[in-house]
Each structure stands twice: as C-alpha cells, then as structure tokens.
Amino acid sequence: MSANSITIGLSNPKSPTNVGAVIRAAGCYGVDNVIYTGTRYDRAVKLNTDTKKMLITIPLTQQQHLLDNLADGVKVICVDLIEGATPLPNFKHPEKALYLFGPEDGTLSQQLINQADAVVYIPTKGCMNLAATVNVLLYDRLAKSAQFFTDNPLIKASRDNNNRIKVKKSHY
C-alpha cells in the first residue's frame, strides 16, 4: 500500500456481486486499491459484476491479514455497526486511510476493532449490504473533501454513453 493511498479492505467477503460493486465504487470515488481476506470470494469470482472493468485500473489483492503492508501515516478506519462507534456524519476522514468492512454475514473481528484508529457506523435503521455501505462511506468522504468537483466536464466524462440530456433552465 503506498503512503498516499486510499484503500478499501474487505474481511472475508462472500458475494462476488458485492465485491464487483465495491470495485466499481472504488473507481468512481478514486480509491487506489481494494484488498480482501478469506477464500469465499475466490470460489465465486466467476460471477463478478465489474461492469465498468475497474479491475484493469484498481488492484484487487488477497492478503492473509487486512493490516499487512500498512504504510506509515495511514489511519485504519473500521466501518461497521459496532457499539460505541462514531456516526459517519460526525466523522472527519483522514487524508490517508484504510477503510475496513466486515463480511456480508458477519462483522469485523474484535482484534481489528482494537487496532483501529477510528470506528464509524452509518446511522441507518437496519444494516445495508456491503457495497451500499462502501458507496455511502466513499460519498461521505468526497462530500467532506476540498476536492469536490461540480462542473460539466466531470458530468460529460462520467455519464453513460446513452445520456446526453442537458438542463434547459434552472428550477430554483
């Protein structure tokens, strides 16, 4: 993991659909790489839903432990429904972060929670799936950052080829 990276860490993910959606979110929000532990994803990878082919530009790497290869200055942030965690709206994102997410059918280990620099949760009624949680976390990071771009060139570069609609007049 490079010193200037934003990394998503997945603890033993089981759903290739969710991992594919996490990779897509990583591409949309400028994440440098995604790491994971466990073997369940490897057994089901043929069903991957990486529809934007983000695996070409964003590495997806299996590791024995999520905290292996942690660069200096990178803060470990656990994102899960953990008692005592900070609500995401109140959280200030670090410049360099490794965001850790539990499996779809479980939670992060107490060992990871104990080693984290921060533990945050998204204050929803009930739990979201893995990919939705990653998307919300990354959007929150973007919305709170100084690099929040709002311009037509970004829209043109980001939208689907079938979308060429323009706003004719302001509704506000």
N, C-alpha and C. Protein backbone atom coordinates (compact mmCIF):
# COMPACT_ATOMS: atom_id res chain seq x y z
N MET A 1 0.86 -1.18 0.00
CA MET A 1 0.00 0.00 0.00
C MET A 1 0.90 1.23 0.00
N SER A 2 0.71 2.16 -0.93
CA SER A 2 1.54 3.36 -0.98
C SER A 2 1.16 4.33 0.12
N ALA A 3 2.06 5.24 0.41
CA ALA A 3 1.85 6.18 1.52
C ALA A 3 0.71 7.14 1.27
N ASN A 4 0.35 7.40 0.03
CA ASN A 4 -0.70 8.38 -0.29
C ASN A 4 -2.00 7.72 -0.71
N SER A 5 -2.23 6.49 -0.34
CA SER A 5 -3.37 5.77 -0.89
C SER A 5 -4.61 5.79 -0.01
N ILE A 6 -5.72 5.56 -0.67
CA ILE A 6 -6.97 5.24 0.00
C ILE A 6 -7.27 3.80 -0.41
N THR A 7 -7.42 2.96 0.58
CA THR A 7 -7.63 1.54 0.34
C THR A 7 -8.91 1.08 1.01
N ILE A 8 -9.62 0.20 0.34
CA ILE A 8 -10.78 -0.48 0.92
C ILE A 8 -10.33 -1.88 1.28
N GLY A 9 -10.58 -2.30 2.52
CA GLY A 9 -10.27 -3.65 2.96
C GLY A 9 -11.54 -4.40 3.28
N LEU A 10 -11.69 -5.57 2.70
CA LEU A 10 -12.88 -6.40 2.88
C LEU A 10 -12.51 -7.66 3.65
N SER A 11 -13.17 -7.88 4.75
CA SER A 11 -12.91 -9.06 5.58
C SER A 11 -13.76 -10.23 5.10
N ASN A 12 -13.11 -11.19 4.46
CA ASN A 12 -13.74 -12.43 4.01
C ASN A 12 -15.09 -12.21 3.30
N PRO A 13 -15.11 -11.39 2.25
CA PRO A 13 -16.38 -11.17 1.55
C PRO A 13 -16.88 -12.45 0.91
N LYS A 14 -18.21 -12.61 0.88
CA LYS A 14 -18.74 -13.85 0.31
C LYS A 14 -19.38 -13.63 -1.06
N SER A 15 -19.82 -12.42 -1.34
CA SER A 15 -20.61 -12.19 -2.54
C SER A 15 -19.79 -11.53 -3.64
N PRO A 16 -19.60 -12.22 -4.76
CA PRO A 16 -18.90 -11.59 -5.88
C PRO A 16 -19.67 -10.40 -6.44
N THR A 17 -20.97 -10.41 -6.29
CA THR A 17 -21.76 -9.26 -6.72
C THR A 17 -21.39 -8.02 -5.92
N ASN A 18 -21.30 -8.17 -4.61
CA ASN A 18 -20.91 -7.04 -3.76
C ASN A 18 -19.47 -6.62 -4.01
N VAL A 19 -18.56 -7.58 -4.19
CA VAL A 19 -17.16 -7.21 -4.45
C VAL A 19 -17.06 -6.47 -5.78
N GLY A 20 -17.78 -6.93 -6.79
CA GLY A 20 -17.79 -6.21 -8.07
C GLY A 20 -18.32 -4.80 -7.92
N ALA A 21 -19.36 -4.63 -7.12
CA ALA A 21 -19.92 -3.30 -6.89
C ALA A 21 -18.96 -2.44 -6.06
N VAL A 22 -18.20 -3.04 -5.15
CA VAL A 22 -17.19 -2.30 -4.39
C VAL A 22 -16.10 -1.81 -5.33
N ILE A 23 -15.66 -2.66 -6.26
CA ILE A 23 -14.64 -2.25 -7.23
C ILE A 23 -15.16 -1.10 -8.08
N ARG A 24 -16.41 -1.16 -8.50
CA ARG A 24 -16.98 -0.06 -9.28
C ARG A 24 -17.00 1.24 -8.46
N ALA A 25 -17.42 1.16 -7.20
CA ALA A 25 -17.42 2.33 -6.33
C ALA A 25 -16.01 2.86 -6.16
N ALA A 26 -15.05 1.97 -6.00
CA ALA A 26 -13.65 2.38 -5.84
C ALA A 26 -13.21 3.20 -7.05
N GLY A 27 -13.60 2.78 -8.24
CA GLY A 27 -13.26 3.54 -9.44
C GLY A 27 -13.95 4.88 -9.50
N CYS A 28 -15.20 4.92 -9.12
CA CYS A 28 -15.96 6.17 -9.15
C CYS A 28 -15.42 7.20 -8.17
N TYR A 29 -14.93 6.75 -7.03
CA TYR A 29 -14.51 7.67 -5.97
C TYR A 29 -12.98 7.80 -5.83
N GLY A 30 -12.22 7.24 -6.75
CA GLY A 30 -10.78 7.44 -6.75
C GLY A 30 -10.01 6.66 -5.71
N VAL A 31 -10.50 5.50 -5.32
CA VAL A 31 -9.77 4.63 -4.40
C VAL A 31 -8.59 4.02 -5.15
N ASP A 32 -7.48 3.85 -4.46
CA ASP A 32 -6.28 3.33 -5.11
C ASP A 32 -6.28 1.81 -5.25
N ASN A 33 -6.77 1.10 -4.26
CA ASN A 33 -6.81 -0.35 -4.35
C ASN A 33 -7.79 -0.93 -3.35
N VAL A 34 -8.12 -2.18 -3.59
CA VAL A 34 -9.03 -2.94 -2.72
C VAL A 34 -8.31 -4.21 -2.33
N ILE A 35 -8.33 -4.51 -1.04
CA ILE A 35 -7.74 -5.75 -0.54
C ILE A 35 -8.82 -6.57 0.14
N TYR A 36 -8.58 -7.86 0.24
CA TYR A 36 -9.56 -8.72 0.93
C TYR A 36 -8.85 -9.90 1.55
N THR A 37 -9.53 -10.49 2.54
CA THR A 37 -9.05 -11.71 3.17
C THR A 37 -10.06 -12.81 2.92
N GLY A 38 -9.65 -14.03 3.22
CA GLY A 38 -10.57 -15.16 3.10
C GLY A 38 -10.54 -15.79 1.72
N THR A 39 -11.33 -16.85 1.57
CA THR A 39 -11.34 -17.62 0.32
C THR A 39 -12.71 -17.68 -0.35
N ARG A 40 -13.74 -17.16 0.32
CA ARG A 40 -15.09 -17.29 -0.25
C ARG A 40 -15.21 -16.54 -1.57
N TYR A 41 -14.63 -15.36 -1.66
CA TYR A 41 -14.70 -14.59 -2.90
C TYR A 41 -14.01 -15.33 -4.04
N ASP A 42 -12.84 -15.90 -3.78
CA ASP A 42 -12.10 -16.61 -4.83
C ASP A 42 -12.92 -17.74 -5.44
N ARG A 43 -13.69 -18.42 -4.60
CA ARG A 43 -14.50 -19.54 -5.10
C ARG A 43 -15.65 -19.07 -5.98
N ALA A 44 -16.09 -17.83 -5.81
CA ALA A 44 -17.27 -17.35 -6.53
C ALA A 44 -16.96 -16.24 -7.53
N VAL A 45 -15.68 -15.96 -7.78
CA VAL A 45 -15.29 -14.79 -8.57
C VAL A 45 -15.82 -14.81 -10.00
N LYS A 46 -16.11 -15.97 -10.55
CA LYS A 46 -16.60 -16.03 -11.94
C LYS A 46 -17.91 -15.29 -12.12
N LEU A 47 -18.60 -14.95 -11.04
CA LEU A 47 -19.86 -14.22 -11.12
C LEU A 47 -19.67 -12.72 -10.91
N ASN A 48 -18.45 -12.25 -10.92
CA ASN A 48 -18.11 -10.84 -10.66
C ASN A 48 -18.93 -9.89 -11.53
N THR A 49 -19.33 -8.75 -10.94
CA THR A 49 -20.14 -7.76 -11.66
C THR A 49 -19.38 -6.46 -11.86
N ASP A 50 -18.14 -6.56 -12.25
CA ASP A 50 -17.32 -5.37 -12.51
C ASP A 50 -17.66 -4.84 -13.90
N THR A 51 -18.84 -4.25 -14.03
CA THR A 51 -19.34 -3.83 -15.34
C THR A 51 -18.57 -2.69 -15.96
N LYS A 52 -17.86 -1.92 -15.18
CA LYS A 52 -17.06 -0.81 -15.72
C LYS A 52 -15.60 -1.20 -15.89
N LYS A 53 -15.27 -2.49 -15.69
CA LYS A 53 -13.91 -3.01 -15.87
C LYS A 53 -12.88 -2.26 -15.04
N MET A 54 -13.24 -1.96 -13.79
CA MET A 54 -12.34 -1.23 -12.90
C MET A 54 -11.15 -2.07 -12.45
N LEU A 55 -11.25 -3.40 -12.55
CA LEU A 55 -10.13 -4.25 -12.16
C LEU A 55 -8.91 -4.01 -13.04
N ILE A 56 -9.11 -3.39 -14.18
CA ILE A 56 -7.98 -3.05 -15.05
C ILE A 56 -7.12 -1.97 -14.40
N THR A 57 -7.74 -1.03 -13.69
CA THR A 57 -7.01 0.10 -13.12
C THR A 57 -6.90 0.06 -11.60
N ILE A 58 -7.74 -0.69 -10.92
CA ILE A 58 -7.71 -0.76 -9.46
C ILE A 58 -7.38 -2.19 -9.04
N PRO A 59 -6.22 -2.37 -8.41
CA PRO A 59 -5.86 -3.72 -8.00
C PRO A 59 -6.82 -4.28 -6.95
N LEU A 60 -7.14 -5.55 -7.08
CA LEU A 60 -7.89 -6.31 -6.08
C LEU A 60 -6.96 -7.41 -5.62
N THR A 61 -6.51 -7.33 -4.36
CA THR A 61 -5.46 -8.22 -3.88
C THR A 61 -5.91 -8.97 -2.64
N GLN A 62 -5.66 -10.27 -2.65
CA GLN A 62 -5.93 -11.06 -1.46
C GLN A 62 -4.72 -10.98 -0.53
N GLN A 63 -4.98 -10.82 0.76
CA GLN A 63 -3.93 -10.79 1.78
C GLN A 63 -4.31 -11.74 2.90
N GLN A 64 -3.32 -12.19 3.62
CA GLN A 64 -3.57 -13.04 4.78
C GLN A 64 -4.29 -12.26 5.88
N HIS A 65 -3.82 -11.01 6.11
CA HIS A 65 -4.39 -10.14 7.14
C HIS A 65 -4.60 -8.75 6.54
N LEU A 66 -5.68 -8.08 6.91
CA LEU A 66 -6.00 -6.77 6.34
C LEU A 66 -4.99 -5.69 6.70
N LEU A 67 -4.26 -5.85 7.80
CA LEU A 67 -3.31 -4.82 8.21
C LEU A 67 -1.89 -5.09 7.73
N ASP A 68 -1.70 -6.13 6.90
CA ASP A 68 -0.39 -6.37 6.30
C ASP A 68 -0.05 -5.22 5.36
N ASN A 69 1.21 -4.87 5.28
CA ASN A 69 1.71 -3.86 4.34
C ASN A 69 1.14 -2.46 4.59
N LEU A 70 0.80 -2.15 5.80
CA LEU A 70 0.25 -0.83 6.13
C LEU A 70 1.36 0.21 6.10
N ALA A 71 1.20 1.22 5.26
CA ALA A 71 2.21 2.28 5.12
C ALA A 71 2.16 3.25 6.29
N ASP A 72 3.25 3.93 6.52
CA ASP A 72 3.32 4.94 7.58
C ASP A 72 2.29 6.04 7.32
N GLY A 73 1.64 6.49 8.37
CA GLY A 73 0.70 7.59 8.26
C GLY A 73 -0.70 7.22 7.82
N VAL A 74 -0.94 5.97 7.47
CA VAL A 74 -2.26 5.52 7.04
C VAL A 74 -3.08 5.19 8.28
N LYS A 75 -4.26 5.77 8.38
CA LYS A 75 -5.14 5.53 9.52
C LYS A 75 -6.08 4.37 9.19
N VAL A 76 -6.27 3.50 10.15
CA VAL A 76 -7.17 2.35 9.99
C VAL A 76 -8.53 2.74 10.52
N ILE A 77 -9.53 2.68 9.64
CA ILE A 77 -10.90 3.06 9.98
C ILE A 77 -11.80 1.85 9.77
N CYS A 78 -12.39 1.35 10.84
CA CYS A 78 -13.35 0.25 10.73
C CYS A 78 -14.74 0.84 10.52
N VAL A 79 -15.48 0.26 9.58
CA VAL A 79 -16.82 0.75 9.26
C VAL A 79 -17.78 -0.42 9.49
N ASP A 80 -18.56 -0.32 10.56
CA ASP A 80 -19.45 -1.42 10.91
C ASP A 80 -20.40 -0.95 12.01
N LEU A 81 -21.44 -1.70 12.25
CA LEU A 81 -22.39 -1.38 13.31
C LEU A 81 -21.82 -1.91 14.64
N ILE A 82 -20.94 -1.13 15.24
CA ILE A 82 -20.25 -1.50 16.46
C ILE A 82 -20.66 -0.54 17.57
N GLU A 83 -21.06 -1.07 18.70
CA GLU A 83 -21.43 -0.22 19.83
C GLU A 83 -20.26 0.69 20.21
N GLY A 84 -20.56 1.97 20.42
CA GLY A 84 -19.53 2.93 20.78
C GLY A 84 -18.87 3.61 19.59
N ALA A 85 -19.24 3.21 18.37
CA ALA A 85 -18.65 3.80 17.16
C ALA A 85 -19.16 5.23 16.95
N THR A 86 -18.45 5.98 16.14
CA THR A 86 -18.81 7.36 15.79
C THR A 86 -19.76 7.34 14.59
N PRO A 87 -20.86 8.08 14.65
CA PRO A 87 -21.74 8.16 13.48
C PRO A 87 -21.00 8.83 12.31
N LEU A 88 -21.17 8.31 11.12
CA LEU A 88 -20.46 8.82 9.95
C LEU A 88 -20.65 10.33 9.74
N PRO A 89 -21.84 10.91 9.95
CA PRO A 89 -21.96 12.36 9.76
C PRO A 89 -21.05 13.18 10.67
N ASN A 90 -20.61 12.62 11.80
CA ASN A 90 -19.75 13.33 12.74
C ASN A 90 -18.26 13.02 12.54
N PHE A 91 -17.94 12.19 11.56
CA PHE A 91 -16.57 11.70 11.38
C PHE A 91 -15.78 12.58 10.42
N LYS A 92 -14.53 12.89 10.79
CA LYS A 92 -13.60 13.61 9.91
C LYS A 92 -12.65 12.59 9.31
N HIS A 93 -12.68 12.47 7.99
CA HIS A 93 -11.86 11.49 7.30
C HIS A 93 -10.38 11.90 7.30
N PRO A 94 -9.49 10.95 7.56
CA PRO A 94 -8.06 11.26 7.47
C PRO A 94 -7.63 11.34 6.00
N GLU A 95 -6.52 12.00 5.76
CA GLU A 95 -6.01 12.12 4.40
C GLU A 95 -5.68 10.75 3.81
N LYS A 96 -5.02 9.92 4.60
CA LYS A 96 -4.60 8.59 4.16
C LYS A 96 -5.35 7.57 5.01
N ALA A 97 -6.09 6.67 4.35
CA ALA A 97 -6.92 5.76 5.13
C ALA A 97 -7.00 4.37 4.53
N LEU A 98 -7.12 3.41 5.42
CA LEU A 98 -7.50 2.05 5.08
C LEU A 98 -8.85 1.85 5.74
N TYR A 99 -9.92 1.78 4.94
CA TYR A 99 -11.28 1.58 5.45
C TYR A 99 -11.57 0.08 5.44
N LEU A 100 -11.91 -0.47 6.59
CA LEU A 100 -12.17 -1.90 6.72
C LEU A 100 -13.66 -2.15 6.88
N PHE A 101 -14.15 -3.15 6.15
CA PHE A 101 -15.56 -3.53 6.17
C PHE A 101 -15.68 -5.01 6.46
N GLY A 102 -16.66 -5.37 7.28
CA GLY A 102 -16.90 -6.77 7.61
C GLY A 102 -17.61 -7.51 6.50
N PRO A 103 -17.71 -8.83 6.62
CA PRO A 103 -18.40 -9.63 5.62
C PRO A 103 -19.91 -9.39 5.66
N GLU A 104 -20.56 -9.76 4.58
CA GLU A 104 -22.00 -9.55 4.47
C GLU A 104 -22.78 -10.29 5.55
N ASP A 105 -22.25 -11.38 6.03
CA ASP A 105 -22.96 -12.21 7.01
C ASP A 105 -22.25 -12.26 8.36
N GLY A 106 -21.52 -11.20 8.68
CA GLY A 106 -20.79 -11.18 9.94
C GLY A 106 -20.34 -9.77 10.29
N THR A 107 -19.24 -9.68 11.00
CA THR A 107 -18.71 -8.39 11.43
C THR A 107 -17.19 -8.46 11.47
N LEU A 108 -16.58 -7.32 11.67
CA LEU A 108 -15.13 -7.27 11.82
C LEU A 108 -14.73 -7.90 13.15
N SER A 109 -13.52 -8.43 13.21
CA SER A 109 -13.06 -9.08 14.44
C SER A 109 -12.77 -8.04 15.52
N GLN A 110 -12.87 -8.46 16.75
CA GLN A 110 -12.52 -7.59 17.88
C GLN A 110 -11.07 -7.14 17.77
N GLN A 111 -10.20 -7.99 17.26
CA GLN A 111 -8.79 -7.64 17.09
C GLN A 111 -8.64 -6.45 16.15
N LEU A 112 -9.35 -6.45 15.03
CA LEU A 112 -9.28 -5.31 14.10
C LEU A 112 -9.86 -4.05 14.74
N ILE A 113 -10.98 -4.19 15.43
CA ILE A 113 -11.60 -3.04 16.11
C ILE A 113 -10.61 -2.43 17.10
N ASN A 114 -9.92 -3.29 17.85
CA ASN A 114 -8.96 -2.82 18.86
C ASN A 114 -7.76 -2.11 18.24
N GLN A 115 -7.40 -2.46 17.03
CA GLN A 115 -6.24 -1.86 16.36
C GLN A 115 -6.60 -0.63 15.52
N ALA A 116 -7.87 -0.33 15.40
CA ALA A 116 -8.31 0.77 14.54
C ALA A 116 -8.01 2.13 15.16
N ASP A 117 -7.77 3.10 14.30
CA ASP A 117 -7.64 4.49 14.74
C ASP A 117 -9.01 5.10 15.00
N ALA A 118 -10.02 4.59 14.30
CA ALA A 118 -11.40 5.04 14.49
C ALA A 118 -12.35 3.94 14.05
N VAL A 119 -13.54 3.93 14.64
CA VAL A 119 -14.61 3.01 14.25
C VAL A 119 -15.83 3.88 13.99
N VAL A 120 -16.40 3.75 12.79
CA VAL A 120 -17.56 4.55 12.42
C VAL A 120 -18.69 3.64 11.96
N TYR A 121 -19.89 4.19 12.04
CA TYR A 121 -21.05 3.46 11.53
C TYR A 121 -21.95 4.44 10.79
N ILE A 122 -22.75 3.90 9.89
CA ILE A 122 -23.72 4.69 9.14
C ILE A 122 -25.05 4.54 9.87
N PRO A 123 -25.60 5.65 10.37
CA PRO A 123 -26.79 5.58 11.22
C PRO A 123 -28.08 5.34 10.41
N THR A 124 -28.26 4.09 10.02
CA THR A 124 -29.47 3.68 9.31
C THR A 124 -30.29 2.78 10.22
N LYS A 125 -31.54 2.62 9.88
CA LYS A 125 -32.38 1.63 10.55
C LYS A 125 -32.14 0.31 9.85
N GLY A 126 -31.52 -0.61 10.53
CA GLY A 126 -31.12 -1.86 9.90
C GLY A 126 -29.78 -1.69 9.21
N CYS A 127 -29.25 -2.79 8.72
CA CYS A 127 -27.93 -2.72 8.10
C CYS A 127 -28.05 -2.73 6.58
N MET A 128 -27.13 -2.03 5.94
CA MET A 128 -27.06 -2.03 4.48
C MET A 128 -26.16 -3.17 4.04
N ASN A 129 -26.21 -3.51 2.76
CA ASN A 129 -25.28 -4.52 2.28
C ASN A 129 -23.89 -3.92 2.13
N LEU A 130 -22.92 -4.76 1.90
CA LEU A 130 -21.52 -4.35 1.84
C LEU A 130 -21.29 -3.25 0.80
N ALA A 131 -21.73 -3.46 -0.42
CA ALA A 131 -21.49 -2.49 -1.49
C ALA A 131 -22.16 -1.15 -1.20
N ALA A 132 -23.37 -1.17 -0.67
CA ALA A 132 -24.06 0.08 -0.33
C ALA A 132 -23.30 0.82 0.75
N THR A 133 -22.78 0.11 1.74
CA THR A 133 -22.04 0.73 2.83
C THR A 133 -20.76 1.39 2.30
N VAL A 134 -20.04 0.69 1.42
CA VAL A 134 -18.83 1.26 0.83
C VAL A 134 -19.17 2.52 0.04
N ASN A 135 -20.23 2.48 -0.75
CA ASN A 135 -20.63 3.65 -1.54
C ASN A 135 -20.96 4.85 -0.65
N VAL A 136 -21.71 4.63 0.41
CA VAL A 136 -22.08 5.73 1.30
C VAL A 136 -20.83 6.30 1.98
N LEU A 137 -19.95 5.44 2.46
CA LEU A 137 -18.71 5.91 3.10
C LEU A 137 -17.89 6.75 2.14
N LEU A 138 -17.70 6.27 0.91
CA LEU A 138 -16.89 7.00 -0.06
C LEU A 138 -17.56 8.30 -0.49
N TYR A 139 -18.87 8.30 -0.61
CA TYR A 139 -19.56 9.55 -0.92
C TYR A 139 -19.38 10.57 0.21
N ASP A 140 -19.49 10.11 1.44
CA ASP A 140 -19.30 11.00 2.59
C ASP A 140 -17.88 11.59 2.57
N ARG A 141 -16.91 10.78 2.25
CA ARG A 141 -15.52 11.27 2.15
C ARG A 141 -15.41 12.34 1.07
N LEU A 142 -16.00 12.08 -0.08
CA LEU A 142 -15.97 13.04 -1.18
C LEU A 142 -16.69 14.34 -0.80
N ALA A 143 -17.87 14.22 -0.23
CA ALA A 143 -18.67 15.40 0.10
C ALA A 143 -17.97 16.29 1.14
N LYS A 144 -17.18 15.70 2.00
CA LYS A 144 -16.48 16.46 3.04
C LYS A 144 -15.10 16.94 2.59
N SER A 145 -14.68 16.57 1.40
CA SER A 145 -13.33 16.91 0.95
C SER A 145 -13.29 18.25 0.23
N ALA A 146 -12.08 18.77 0.09
CA ALA A 146 -11.86 20.01 -0.66
C ALA A 146 -11.82 19.74 -2.15
N GLN A 147 -11.81 18.49 -2.56
CA GLN A 147 -11.73 18.14 -3.97
C GLN A 147 -13.09 17.76 -4.55
N PHE A 148 -14.11 18.38 -4.07
CA PHE A 148 -15.47 18.11 -4.52
C PHE A 148 -15.70 18.92 -5.80
N PHE A 149 -15.66 18.25 -6.94
CA PHE A 149 -15.81 18.93 -8.23
C PHE A 149 -17.27 18.97 -8.65
N THR A 150 -17.70 20.12 -9.14
CA THR A 150 -19.07 20.27 -9.62
C THR A 150 -19.04 21.04 -10.93
N ASP A 151 -18.77 20.33 -12.01
CA ASP A 151 -18.71 21.03 -13.30
C ASP A 151 -19.16 20.12 -14.44
N ASN A 152 -19.51 20.74 -15.55
CA ASN A 152 -19.99 19.98 -16.70
C ASN A 152 -18.94 19.04 -17.29
N PRO A 153 -17.65 19.40 -17.35
CA PRO A 153 -16.68 18.42 -17.86
C PRO A 153 -16.68 17.12 -17.06
N LEU A 154 -16.84 17.20 -15.74
CA LEU A 154 -16.92 15.99 -14.94
C LEU A 154 -18.16 15.18 -15.31
N ILE A 155 -19.27 15.85 -15.47
CA ILE A 155 -20.51 15.16 -15.86
C ILE A 155 -20.32 14.47 -17.20
N LYS A 156 -19.76 15.18 -18.18
CA LYS A 156 -19.55 14.61 -19.52
C LYS A 156 -18.63 13.40 -19.48
N ALA A 157 -17.59 13.46 -18.67
CA ALA A 157 -16.64 12.35 -18.58
C ALA A 157 -17.20 11.16 -17.81
N SER A 158 -18.15 11.39 -16.93
CA SER A 158 -18.63 10.35 -16.03
C SER A 158 -19.90 9.64 -16.48
N ARG A 159 -20.71 10.29 -17.27
CA ARG A 159 -22.02 9.71 -17.60
C ARG A 159 -21.91 8.59 -18.64
N ASP A 160 -22.96 7.84 -18.71
CA ASP A 160 -23.09 6.74 -19.65
C ASP A 160 -23.18 7.27 -21.08
N ASN A 161 -22.77 6.49 -22.04
CA ASN A 161 -22.81 6.91 -23.44
C ASN A 161 -24.22 7.23 -23.94
N ASN A 162 -25.22 6.66 -23.31
CA ASN A 162 -26.61 6.89 -23.74
C ASN A 162 -27.23 8.13 -23.12
N ASN A 163 -26.49 8.88 -22.33
CA ASN A 163 -27.03 10.05 -21.64
C ASN A 163 -26.41 11.31 -22.22
N ARG A 164 -27.19 12.07 -22.92
CA ARG A 164 -26.75 13.35 -23.48
C ARG A 164 -27.73 14.48 -23.13
N ILE A 165 -28.49 14.30 -22.05
CA ILE A 165 -29.50 15.25 -21.63
C ILE A 165 -28.84 16.46 -20.96
N LYS A 166 -29.43 17.63 -21.18
CA LYS A 166 -28.96 18.88 -20.55
C LYS A 166 -30.12 19.58 -19.88
N VAL A 167 -29.84 20.31 -18.82
CA VAL A 167 -30.84 21.13 -18.14
C VAL A 167 -31.01 22.40 -18.96
N LYS A 168 -32.24 22.69 -19.37
CA LYS A 168 -32.51 23.89 -20.20
C LYS A 168 -32.64 25.15 -19.36
N LYS A 169 -33.21 25.01 -18.17
CA LYS A 169 -33.36 26.17 -17.31
C LYS A 169 -33.30 25.73 -15.86
N SER A 170 -32.98 26.64 -15.02
CA SER A 170 -32.87 26.34 -13.61
C SER A 170 -34.27 26.20 -13.00
N HIS A 171 -34.43 25.24 -12.12
CA HIS A 171 -35.69 25.03 -11.43
C HIS A 171 -35.70 25.70 -10.06
N TYR A 172 -34.65 26.43 -9.72
CA TYR A 172 -34.55 27.02 -8.40
C TYR A 172 -34.49 28.52 -8.49
